[in-house]
PDB file of N, CA and C in Angstrom:
ATOM      1  N   MET A   1       0.764  -1.215   0.111  1.00  0.00           N
ATOM      2  CA  MET A   1       0.193   0.127   0.136  1.00  0.00           C
ATOM      3  C   MET A   1       0.608   1.155  -0.198  1.00  0.00           C
ATOM      4  N   THR A   2       0.696   1.988  -1.010  1.00  0.00           N
ATOM      5  CA  THR A   2       1.735   3.182  -0.845  1.00  0.00           C
ATOM      6  C   THR A   2       0.912   4.366  -0.147  1.00  0.00           C
ATOM      7  N   GLY A   3       1.783   5.397   0.423  1.00  0.00           N
ATOM      8  CA  GLY A   3       1.521   6.710   1.087  1.00  0.00           C
ATOM      9  C   GLY A   3       0.798   5.955   2.491  1.00  0.00           C
ATOM     10  N   ALA A   4       1.447   4.893   2.682  1.00  0.00           N
ATOM     11  CA  ALA A   4       0.733   4.249   4.541  1.00  0.00           C
ATOM     12  C   ALA A   4       1.315   5.111   5.364  1.00  0.00           C
ATOM     13  N   GLY A   5       2.050   5.801   5.153  1.00  0.00           N
ATOM     14  CA  GLY A   5       2.699   6.444   6.590  1.00  0.00           C
ATOM     15  C   GLY A   5       1.980   7.698   6.922  1.00  0.00           C
ATOM     16  N   THR A   6       0.701   7.970   6.368  1.00  0.00           N
ATOM     17  CA  THR A   6      -0.253   9.002   6.990  1.00  0.00           C
ATOM     18  C   THR A   6      -1.846   8.744   6.513  1.00  0.00           C
ATOM     19  N   GLY A   7      -2.548   9.240   6.885  1.00  0.00           N
ATOM     20  CA  GLY A   7      -4.051   9.550   6.358  1.00  0.00           C
ATOM     21  C   GLY A   7      -4.698   8.054   6.326  1.00  0.00           C
ATOM     22  N   THR A   8      -5.664   8.281   5.207  1.00  0.00           N
ATOM     23  CA  THR A   8      -6.356   7.240   4.811  1.00  0.00           C
ATOM     24  C   THR A   8      -5.278   5.920   4.514  1.00  0.00           C
ATOM     25  N   ALA A   9      -4.744   6.064   3.650  1.00  0.00           N
ATOM     26  CA  ALA A   9      -3.431   4.910   3.663  1.00  0.00           C
ATOM     27  C   ALA A   9      -3.253   4.052   5.170  1.00  0.00           C
ATOM     28  N   ARG A  10      -2.882   4.705   5.671  1.00  0.00           N
ATOM     29  CA  ARG A  10      -2.092   4.376   7.252  1.00  0.00           C
ATOM     30  C   ARG A  10      -3.444   3.713   7.719  1.00  0.00           C
ATOM     31  N   THR A  11      -4.644   4.170   7.763  1.00  0.00           N
ATOM     32  CA  THR A  11      -5.903   3.590   8.702  1.00  0.00           C
ATOM     33  C   THR A  11      -5.995   2.211   7.375  1.00  0.00           C
ATOM     34  N   ALA A  12      -6.121   2.217   6.467  1.00  0.00           N
ATOM     35  CA  ALA A  12      -6.492   1.224   5.606  1.00  0.00           C
ATOM     36  C   ALA A  12      -5.388  -0.077   5.627  1.00  0.00           C
ATOM     37  N   ALA A  13      -4.007   0.425   5.835  1.00  0.00           N
ATOM     38  CA  ALA A  13      -3.126  -0.733   6.090  1.00  0.00           C
ATOM     39  C   ALA A  13      -3.161  -1.296   7.364  1.00  0.00           C
ATOM     40  N   ARG A  14      -3.725  -0.181   8.568  1.00  0.00           N
ATOM     41  CA  ARG A  14      -3.600  -0.980   9.672  1.00  0.00           C
ATOM     42  C   ARG A  14      -4.745  -1.959   9.673  1.00  0.00           C
ATOM     43  N   ALA A  15      -5.998  -1.521   9.177  1.00  0.00           N
ATOM     44  CA  ALA A  15      -7.340  -2.353   9.151  1.00  0.00           C
ATOM     45  C   ALA A  15      -6.700  -3.767   8.616  1.00  0.00           C
ATOM     46  N   PHE A  16      -6.101  -3.803   7.307  1.00  0.00           N
ATOM     47  CA  PHE A  16      -5.646  -4.702   6.513  1.00  0.00           C
ATOM     48  C   PHE A  16      -5.464  -5.887   7.369  1.00  0.00           C
ATOM     49  N   ALA A  17      -4.286  -4.966   8.381  1.00  0.00           N
ATOM     50  CA  ALA A  17      -3.147  -6.085   9.072  1.00  0.00           C
ATOM     51  C   ALA A  17      -4.139  -6.638  10.233  1.00  0.00           C
ATOM     52  N   ALA A  18      -4.815  -5.780  10.789  1.00  0.00           N
ATOM     53  CA  ALA A  18      -5.724  -6.369  11.753  1.00  0.00           C
ATOM     54  C   ALA A  18      -6.787  -7.279  11.537  1.00  0.00           C
ATOM     55  N   GLU A  19      -7.284  -7.737  10.096  1.00  0.00           N
ATOM     56  CA  GLU A  19      -7.945  -8.846   9.802  1.00  0.00           C
ATOM     57  C   GLU A  19      -7.309  -9.930   9.258  1.00  0.00           C
ATOM     58  N   GLY A  20      -5.694  -9.649   9.442  1.00  0.00           N
ATOM     59  CA  GLY A  20      -4.741 -11.070   9.323  1.00  0.00           C
ATOM     60  C   GLY A  20      -4.192 -10.760   8.373  1.00  0.00           C
ATOM     61  N   THR A  21      -4.169  -9.789   7.028  1.00  0.00           N
ATOM     62  CA  THR A  21      -3.478  -9.705   5.969  1.00  0.00           C
ATOM     63  C   THR A  21      -2.032  -9.264   6.208  1.00  0.00           C
ATOM     64  N   HIS A  22      -0.884  -9.987   5.491  1.00  0.00           N
ATOM     65  CA  HIS A  22       0.633  -9.378   5.526  1.00  0.00           C
ATOM     66  C   HIS A  22       0.290  -8.392   4.358  1.00  0.00           C
ATOM     67  N   ALA A  23       0.821  -7.327   4.491  1.00  0.00           N
ATOM     68  CA  ALA A  23       1.064  -6.021   3.597  1.00  0.00           C
ATOM     69  C   ALA A  23       2.364  -5.207   3.828  1.00  0.00           C
ATOM     70  N   VAL A  24       2.804  -4.988   2.824  1.00  0.00           N
ATOM     71  CA  VAL A  24       4.072  -3.768   2.637  1.00  0.00           C
ATOM     72  C   VAL A  24       3.377  -2.472   2.549  1.00  0.00           C
ATOM     73  N   ALA A  25       3.497  -1.642   3.569  1.00  0.00           N
ATOM     74  CA  ALA A  25       3.083  -0.309   3.715  1.00  0.00           C
ATOM     75  C   ALA A  25       4.256   0.677   3.254  1.00  0.00           C
ATOM     76  N   THR A  26       3.921   1.486   2.153  1.00  0.00           N
ATOM     77  CA  THR A  26       5.582   1.939   1.677  1.00  0.00           C
ATOM     78  C   THR A  26       5.058   3.361   1.766  1.00  0.00           C
ATOM     79  N   GLY A  27       6.140   4.000   1.822  1.00  0.00           N
ATOM     80  CA  GLY A  27       5.781   5.618   1.508  1.00  0.00           C
ATOM     81  C   GLY A  27       7.344   6.376   1.573  1.00  0.00           C
ATOM     82  N   GLN A  28       7.478   7.787   1.451  1.00  0.00           N
ATOM     83  CA  GLN A  28       8.367   8.084   1.184  1.00  0.00           C
ATOM     84  C   GLN A  28       9.448   8.644   2.698  1.00  0.00           C
ATOM     85  N   ARG A  29       8.797   8.384   3.886  1.00  0.00           N
ATOM     86  CA  ARG A  29       9.194   9.069   4.916  1.00  0.00           C
ATOM     87  C   ARG A  29       9.321   7.760   5.783  1.00  0.00           C
ATOM     88  N   PRO A  30      10.437   7.559   6.297  1.00  0.00           N
ATOM     89  CA  PRO A  30      10.648   6.201   7.152  1.00  0.00           C
ATOM     90  C   PRO A  30       9.949   6.242   8.646  1.00  0.00           C
ATOM     91  N   GLY A  31       9.751   7.670   9.203  1.00  0.00           N
ATOM     92  CA  GLY A  31       9.145   7.921  10.648  1.00  0.00           C
ATOM     93  C   GLY A  31       8.188   7.665  10.548  1.00  0.00           C
ATOM     94  N   PRO A  32       6.969   8.059   9.466  1.00  0.00           N
ATOM     95  CA  PRO A  32       5.749   8.014   9.841  1.00  0.00           C
ATOM     96  C   PRO A  32       5.362   6.291   9.460  1.00  0.00           C
ATOM     97  N   LEU A  33       6.056   5.831   8.554  1.00  0.00           N
ATOM     98  CA  LEU A  33       5.987   4.294   8.337  1.00  0.00           C
ATOM     99  C   LEU A  33       6.531   3.509   9.408  1.00  0.00           C
ATOM    100  N   GLU A  34       7.364   3.928  10.275  1.00  0.00           N
ATOM    101  CA  GLU A  34       7.654   3.191  11.529  1.00  0.00           C
ATOM    102  C   GLU A  34       6.456   3.428  12.425  1.00  0.00           C
ATOM    103  N   THR A  35       5.681   4.363  12.488  1.00  0.00           N
ATOM    104  CA  THR A  35       4.590   4.395  13.402  1.00  0.00           C
ATOM    105  C   THR A  35       3.339   3.745  12.957  1.00  0.00           C
ATOM    106  N   THR A  36       3.487   3.655  11.259  1.00  0.00           N
ATOM    107  CA  THR A  36       2.153   3.093  11.103  1.00  0.00           C
ATOM    108  C   THR A  36       2.239   1.464  11.267  1.00  0.00           C
ATOM    109  N   ALA A  37       3.512   0.994  10.994  1.00  0.00           N
ATOM    110  CA  ALA A  37       3.751  -0.428  11.541  1.00  0.00           C
ATOM    111  C   ALA A  37       4.193  -0.760  13.003  1.00  0.00           C
ATOM    112  N   ALA A  38       4.120   0.316  13.794  1.00  0.00           N
ATOM    113  CA  ALA A  38       4.478  -0.254  15.193  1.00  0.00           C
ATOM    114  C   ALA A  38       3.773  -0.995  16.025  1.00  0.00           C
ATOM    115  N   GLY A  39       2.221  -1.168  15.550  1.00  0.00           N
ATOM    116  CA  GLY A  39       1.456  -2.169  16.520  1.00  0.00           C
ATOM    117  C   GLY A  39       1.259  -3.337  15.598  1.00  0.00           C
ATOM    118  N   PRO A  40       0.617  -3.464  14.642  1.00  0.00           N
ATOM    119  CA  PRO A  40       0.395  -4.731  13.874  1.00  0.00           C
ATOM    120  C   PRO A  40       1.953  -5.543  13.158  1.00  0.00           C
ATOM    121  N   ASP A  41       2.277  -6.729  13.656  1.00  0.00           N
ATOM    122  CA  ASP A  41       3.538  -7.175  12.916  1.00  0.00           C
ATOM    123  C   ASP A  41       3.321  -7.760  11.647  1.00  0.00           C
ATOM    124  N   ARG A  42       2.019  -7.628  11.187  1.00  0.00           N
ATOM    125  CA  ARG A  42       2.031  -8.119   9.455  1.00  0.00           C
ATOM    126  C   ARG A  42       2.345  -6.854   8.510  1.00  0.00           C
ATOM    127  N   LEU A  43       2.902  -6.183   9.011  1.00  0.00           N
ATOM    128  CA  LEU A  43       3.229  -4.627   8.301  1.00  0.00           C
ATOM    129  C   LEU A  43       4.914  -4.838   7.695  1.00  0.00           C
ATOM    130  N   THR A  44       4.924  -4.504   6.979  1.00  0.00           N
ATOM    131  CA  THR A  44       6.679  -4.249   6.746  1.00  0.00           C
ATOM    132  C   THR A  44       6.806  -2.888   5.992  1.00  0.00           C
ATOM    133  N   PRO A  45       7.430  -2.099   6.895  1.00  0.00           N
ATOM    134  CA  PRO A  45       7.403  -0.648   6.015  1.00  0.00           C
ATOM    135  C   PRO A  45       8.878  -0.257   5.458  1.00  0.00           C
ATOM    136  N   PRO A  46       9.202  -0.588   4.237  1.00  0.00           N
ATOM    137  CA  PRO A  46      10.025   0.189   3.804  1.00  0.00           C
ATOM    138  C   PRO A  46       9.851   1.387   2.947  1.00  0.00           C
ATOM    139  N   ALA A  47      11.137   2.282   3.232  1.00  0.00           N
ATOM    140  CA  ALA A  47      10.683   3.625   2.649  1.00  0.00           C
ATOM    141  C   ALA A  47      11.166   3.470   1.143  1.00  0.00           C
ATOM    142  N   ALA A  48      10.526   4.345   0.390  1.00  0.00           N
ATOM    143  CA  ALA A  48      10.761   4.211  -1.160  1.00  0.00           C
ATOM    144  C   ALA A  48      10.145   5.811  -1.633  1.00  0.00           C
ATOM    145  N   ASP A  49      10.979   6.139  -2.635  1.00  0.00           N
ATOM    146  CA  ASP A  49      10.771   7.139  -3.355  1.00  0.00           C
ATOM    147  C   ASP A  49      10.818   6.708  -4.938  1.00  0.00           C
ATOM    148  N   ILE A  50       9.541   6.386  -5.431  1.00  0.00           N
ATOM    149  CA  ILE A  50       9.413   5.866  -6.726  1.00  0.00           C
ATOM    150  C   ILE A  50       8.927   6.947  -7.679  1.00  0.00           C
ATOM    151  N   THR A  51       9.100   8.517  -7.308  1.00  0.00           N
ATOM    152  CA  THR A  51       8.992   9.197  -8.330  1.00  0.00           C
ATOM    153  C   THR A  51      10.272   9.625  -9.195  1.00  0.00           C
ATOM    154  N   GLY A  52      10.903   9.099  -9.016  1.00  0.00           N
ATOM    155  CA  GLY A  52      12.522   9.298  -9.621  1.00  0.00           C
ATOM    156  C   GLY A  52      13.020  10.587  -9.945  1.00  0.00           C
ATOM    157  N   GLU A  53      12.329  11.384  -8.719  1.00  0.00           N
ATOM    158  CA  GLU A  53      13.051  12.942  -8.646  1.00  0.00           C
ATOM    159  C   GLU A  53      14.435  12.966  -8.078  1.00  0.00           C
ATOM    160  N   ARG A  54      14.595  12.106  -7.348  1.00  0.00           N
ATOM    161  CA  ARG A  54      15.991  11.951  -6.528  1.00  0.00           C
ATOM    162  C   ARG A  54      17.176  11.140  -7.120  1.00  0.00           C
ATOM    163  N   LEU A  55      16.594  10.726  -8.502  1.00  0.00           N
ATOM    164  CA  LEU A  55      17.686   9.716  -8.792  1.00  0.00           C
ATOM    165  C   LEU A  55      18.701  10.499  -9.796  1.00  0.00           C
ATOM    166  N   PRO A  56      20.129  10.218  -9.821  1.00  0.00           N
ATOM    167  CA  PRO A  56      20.764  10.927 -10.683  1.00  0.00           C
ATOM    168  C   PRO A  56      20.440  10.586 -12.314  1.00  0.00           C
ATOM    169  N   PRO A  57      20.693  11.575 -13.065  1.00  0.00           N
ATOM    170  CA  PRO A  57      20.295  11.462 -14.706  1.00  0.00           C
ATOM    171  C   PRO A  57      20.947  10.449 -15.238  1.00  0.00           C
ATOM    172  N   VAL A  58      20.245   9.859 -16.019  1.00  0.00           N
ATOM    173  CA  VAL A  58      20.636   8.761 -16.813  1.00  0.00           C
ATOM    174  C   VAL A  58      21.518   9.085 -17.971  1.00  0.00           C
ATOM    175  N   ALA A  59      22.608   8.574 -18.151  1.00  0.00           N
ATOM    176  CA  ALA A  59      23.648   9.147 -19.258  1.00  0.00           C
ATOM    177  C   ALA A  59      23.273   8.453 -20.425  1.00  0.00           C
TER     178      ALA A  59
END
């Protein structure tokens, strides 16, 4: 689930975990993701930036 560090995506990720689903809860900021995954042990919270804005230019 993308954007799971805050808001509706955080709520949805926690709801899925509460129902027994194992999920990857991702977003750009590690701190909020750790908060999202603090309770349920079924959430894996890797931080990721998939926009490509922080990548070096391709030669």
